[in-house]
C-alpha cells in the first residue's frame, strides 16, 4: 500500500513536469497564445516576407501591439497577404506604415509599425498600403559581390598628359611671361631715369 502511494506521487510529479515542459516549449515558439485581449484584424500586402511566420510579433516602439494571424498568397497581385490581429488597446492612424524587420542580425523576423499622422485610425478590415518588404541578407550579399566584381573588371582609366606649359598647368590664370615684357621694359626705363 505504501509503495503504490509513492508510485502515485512520482507519477503525478512526472506528469506535471512534462506538462510544464510542453507549455514552455509552445510559449517559446510562439505557438501558444494565452492573450485574452480583444483584437481587430487588418491586412497588408508585401512583395517579400522573408522568413516571417504566423504568430510573429507586431511591434511599435519595441512593444508588442499585435500578432501575425495568417499568411497567404494573393494570386491577383502576386504578393504575400498578411493578416494581423492588433490589440484593441492600441490605435494607429490609417496612414501608418508596416515594415518587416529582424531582431538582431540573425534573429526572428517581426512586423514593425510606424505610426502616421492621419486623424482617422485603422479599424477591423482595413488594408495597410504603405509596406516595406523584408531585407533578405542573401540578396544584399549577392548585390555587394556583383558590384565588387563589376568594379574590379573595369579599372578606372586616368588620362595623364604632362602640362604643355606653365599657363596650361595653372589653367591660364596668369598672363604669359611675354605679355609682361613691354611693361617690364617701361618700368626699367622709368627706374633708370630716376637714378640718373
Protein backbone atom coordinates (compact mmCIF):
# COMPACT_ATOMS: atom_id res chain seq x y z
CA UNK A 1 0.00 0.00 0.00
CA UNK A 2 2.82 2.37 0.92
CA UNK A 3 4.65 1.59 -2.34
CA UNK A 4 1.63 2.33 -4.54
CA UNK A 5 1.19 5.69 -2.78
CA UNK A 6 4.82 6.62 -3.59
CA UNK A 7 4.37 5.48 -7.19
CA UNK A 8 1.28 7.68 -7.47
CA UNK A 9 3.16 10.77 -6.22
CA UNK A 10 6.13 10.11 -8.52
CA UNK A 11 3.81 9.67 -11.49
CA UNK A 12 1.96 12.87 -10.62
CA UNK A 13 5.19 14.90 -10.42
CA UNK A 14 6.44 13.43 -13.72
CA UNK A 15 3.16 14.39 -15.44
CA UNK A 16 3.30 17.94 -14.03
CA UNK A 17 6.93 18.27 -15.15
CA UNK A 18 6.14 17.08 -18.69
CA UNK A 19 3.15 19.44 -18.92
CA UNK A 20 5.36 22.34 -17.81
CA UNK A 21 8.00 21.45 -20.44
CA UNK A 22 5.37 21.28 -23.21
CA UNK A 23 3.92 24.61 -22.07
CA UNK A 24 7.35 26.30 -22.08
CA UNK A 25 8.23 24.86 -25.49
CA UNK A 26 4.96 26.11 -27.02
CA UNK A 27 5.35 29.51 -25.37
CA UNK A 28 8.95 29.88 -26.60
CA UNK A 29 7.94 29.02 -30.16
CA UNK A 30 5.00 31.50 -30.09
CA UNK A 31 2.63 28.61 -30.78
CA UNK A 32 0.64 29.14 -27.61
CA UNK A 33 -1.27 32.35 -27.26
CA UNK A 34 -2.78 32.97 -23.86
CA UNK A 35 -3.77 36.51 -24.75
CA UNK A 36 -7.42 37.05 -24.00
CA UNK A 37 -7.41 40.71 -25.06
CA UNK A 38 -9.85 41.83 -27.73
CA UNK A 39 -8.30 42.38 -31.14
CA UNK A 40 -9.14 43.83 -34.53
CA UNK A 41 -7.87 42.32 -37.78
CA UNK A 42 -6.14 44.32 -40.51
CA UNK A 43 -4.36 43.14 -43.66
CA UNK A 44 -1.28 44.17 -45.62
CA UNK A 45 0.48 43.03 -48.80
CA UNK A 46 4.24 42.57 -49.09
CA UNK A 47 6.44 41.73 -52.08
CA UNK A 48 8.73 39.56 -49.95
CA UNK A 49 8.11 38.41 -46.38
CA UNK A 50 11.45 36.61 -45.93
CA UNK A 51 11.18 34.19 -43.00
CA UNK A 52 8.15 35.77 -41.33
CA UNK A 53 5.97 33.16 -39.62
CA UNK A 54 2.43 33.06 -38.23
CA UNK A 55 2.22 34.22 -34.61
CA UNK A 56 5.20 36.55 -35.15
CA UNK A 57 5.08 39.74 -33.12
CA UNK A 58 3.82 43.08 -34.41
CA UNK A 59 5.74 45.81 -32.59
CA UNK A 60 5.68 49.56 -32.32
CA UNK A 61 8.47 51.22 -30.38
CA UNK A 62 9.64 47.80 -29.19
CA UNK A 63 6.27 46.99 -27.57
CA UNK A 64 4.22 44.04 -28.84
CA UNK A 65 0.94 45.50 -30.15
CA UNK A 66 -0.32 42.50 -32.11
CA UNK A 67 0.46 39.18 -33.79
CA UNK A 68 0.58 37.80 -37.32
CA UNK A 69 -2.68 35.85 -37.61
CA UNK A 70 -2.09 34.31 -41.01
CA UNK A 71 -0.02 34.36 -44.18
CA UNK A 72 -1.44 33.66 -47.62
CA UNK A 73 -0.65 34.38 -51.27
CA UNK A 74 -2.66 36.91 -53.26
CA UNK A 75 -2.71 35.39 -56.76
CA UNK A 76 -4.13 38.58 -58.32
CA UNK A 77 -1.34 40.88 -57.13
CA UNK A 78 1.30 38.15 -56.79
CA UNK A 79 2.16 39.29 -53.29
CA UNK A 80 2.09 37.82 -49.81
CA UNK A 81 -1.02 38.76 -47.87
CA UNK A 82 -0.56 39.10 -44.12
CA UNK A 83 -3.47 39.14 -41.65
CA UNK A 84 -2.64 40.93 -38.41
CA UNK A 85 -4.53 40.72 -35.12
CA UNK A 86 -3.91 44.07 -33.44
CA UNK A 87 -4.53 44.56 -29.73
CA UNK A 88 -7.68 46.70 -29.36
CA UNK A 89 -5.95 48.86 -26.72
CA UNK A 90 -3.62 50.26 -29.39
CA UNK A 91 -4.97 52.51 -32.14
CA UNK A 92 -2.86 53.53 -35.13
CA UNK A 93 -3.59 56.19 -37.78
CA UNK A 94 -4.80 54.98 -41.19
CA UNK A 95 -1.62 56.23 -42.90
CA UNK A 96 0.68 54.12 -40.69
CA UNK A 97 3.30 52.01 -42.43
CA UNK A 98 4.45 48.44 -41.83
CA UNK A 99 7.97 47.04 -42.23
CA UNK A 100 9.30 43.52 -41.86
CA UNK A 101 12.27 43.78 -39.52
CA UNK A 102 14.68 41.36 -37.86
CA UNK A 103 15.62 41.15 -34.18
CA UNK A 104 19.38 41.49 -34.32
CA UNK A 105 21.49 40.21 -37.19
CA UNK A 106 20.12 36.67 -37.41
CA UNK A 107 17.12 36.89 -35.07
CA UNK A 108 13.47 36.21 -35.74
CA UNK A 109 11.50 38.47 -38.03
CA UNK A 110 8.63 40.65 -36.88
CA UNK A 111 6.48 43.45 -38.26
CA UNK A 112 7.28 46.98 -37.16
CA UNK A 113 4.56 49.64 -37.17
CA UNK A 114 5.43 53.28 -37.80
CA UNK A 115 2.51 55.46 -36.82
CA UNK A 116 1.30 58.00 -39.35
CA UNK A 117 -0.33 61.38 -38.77
CA UNK A 118 -3.90 60.87 -40.06
CA UNK A 119 -6.78 61.71 -37.76
CA UNK A 120 -8.72 58.51 -38.55
CA UNK A 121 -7.47 55.26 -37.01
CA UNK A 122 -7.21 51.79 -38.51
CA UNK A 123 -10.27 49.64 -37.92
CA UNK A 124 -11.18 45.99 -38.42
CA UNK A 125 -10.98 45.01 -42.09
CA UNK A 126 -8.69 47.87 -43.16
CA UNK A 127 -5.80 47.27 -45.54
CA UNK A 128 -2.45 48.96 -44.92
CA UNK A 129 -0.98 50.03 -48.26
CA UNK A 130 2.32 51.52 -47.10
CA UNK A 131 4.57 48.48 -46.59
CA UNK A 132 8.26 47.68 -46.85
CA UNK A 133 9.32 44.11 -47.58
CA UNK A 134 11.89 42.12 -45.69
CA UNK A 135 15.56 42.79 -46.35
CA UNK A 136 16.95 39.43 -47.40
CA UNK A 137 20.58 39.06 -46.32
CA UNK A 138 21.42 36.82 -49.28
CA UNK A 139 20.23 39.49 -51.73
CA UNK A 140 22.38 42.15 -50.06
CA UNK A 141 25.46 39.95 -50.13
CA UNK A 142 24.97 38.97 -53.78
CA UNK A 143 24.40 42.61 -54.77
CA UNK A 144 27.59 43.64 -52.96
CA UNK A 145 29.59 40.85 -54.61
CA UNK A 146 28.16 41.67 -58.06
CA UNK A 147 29.06 45.36 -57.69
CA UNK A 148 32.54 44.50 -56.43
CA UNK A 149 33.13 42.16 -59.37
CA UNK A 150 31.89 44.78 -61.85
CA UNK A 151 34.21 47.41 -60.40
CA UNK A 152 37.19 45.05 -60.50
CA UNK A 153 36.52 44.09 -64.13
CA UNK A 154 36.55 47.67 -65.40
CA UNK A 155 39.59 49.50 -64.00
CA UNK A 156 39.39 53.24 -63.83
CA UNK A 157 41.33 54.95 -66.59
CA UNK A 158 43.00 58.20 -65.77
CA UNK A 159 44.45 60.06 -68.70
CA UNK A 160 47.66 61.69 -67.64
CA UNK A 161 49.28 64.07 -70.06
CA UNK A 162 52.04 66.37 -68.98
CA UNK A 163 51.01 70.03 -69.00
CA UNK A 164 52.04 71.89 -72.12
CA UNK A 165 53.23 74.93 -70.28
CA UNK A 166 53.03 76.89 -67.07
CA UNK A 167 49.83 78.60 -68.10
CA UNK A 168 48.22 75.33 -69.13
CA UNK A 169 49.12 73.71 -65.81
CA UNK A 170 47.54 76.54 -63.82
CA UNK A 171 44.52 76.95 -66.04
CA UNK A 172 45.70 80.16 -67.76
CA UNK A 173 45.17 82.21 -64.63
CA UNK A 174 48.32 84.23 -65.27
CA UNK A 175 49.23 86.06 -68.43
CA UNK A 176 52.16 84.63 -70.37
CA UNK A 177 55.59 85.97 -69.47
CA UNK A 178 55.99 87.58 -72.92
CA UNK A 179 52.88 89.68 -72.29
CA UNK A 180 54.59 91.42 -69.39
CA UNK A 181 57.84 92.20 -71.30
CA UNK A 182 56.81 95.66 -72.62
CA UNK A 183 55.58 96.66 -69.17
CA UNK A 184 58.85 95.46 -67.61
CA UNK A 185 60.88 97.49 -70.16
CA UNK A 186 58.82 100.60 -69.42
CA UNK A 187 59.25 100.16 -65.67
CA UNK A 188 63.00 99.63 -66.12
CA UNK A 189 63.31 102.82 -68.19
CA UNK A 190 61.49 104.81 -65.53
CA UNK A 191 63.66 103.37 -62.79
CA UNK A 192 66.90 104.10 -64.62
CA UNK A 193 65.73 107.65 -65.28
CA UNK A 194 65.29 108.20 -61.58
CA UNK A 195 68.81 107.09 -60.79
CA UNK A 196 70.48 109.21 -63.49
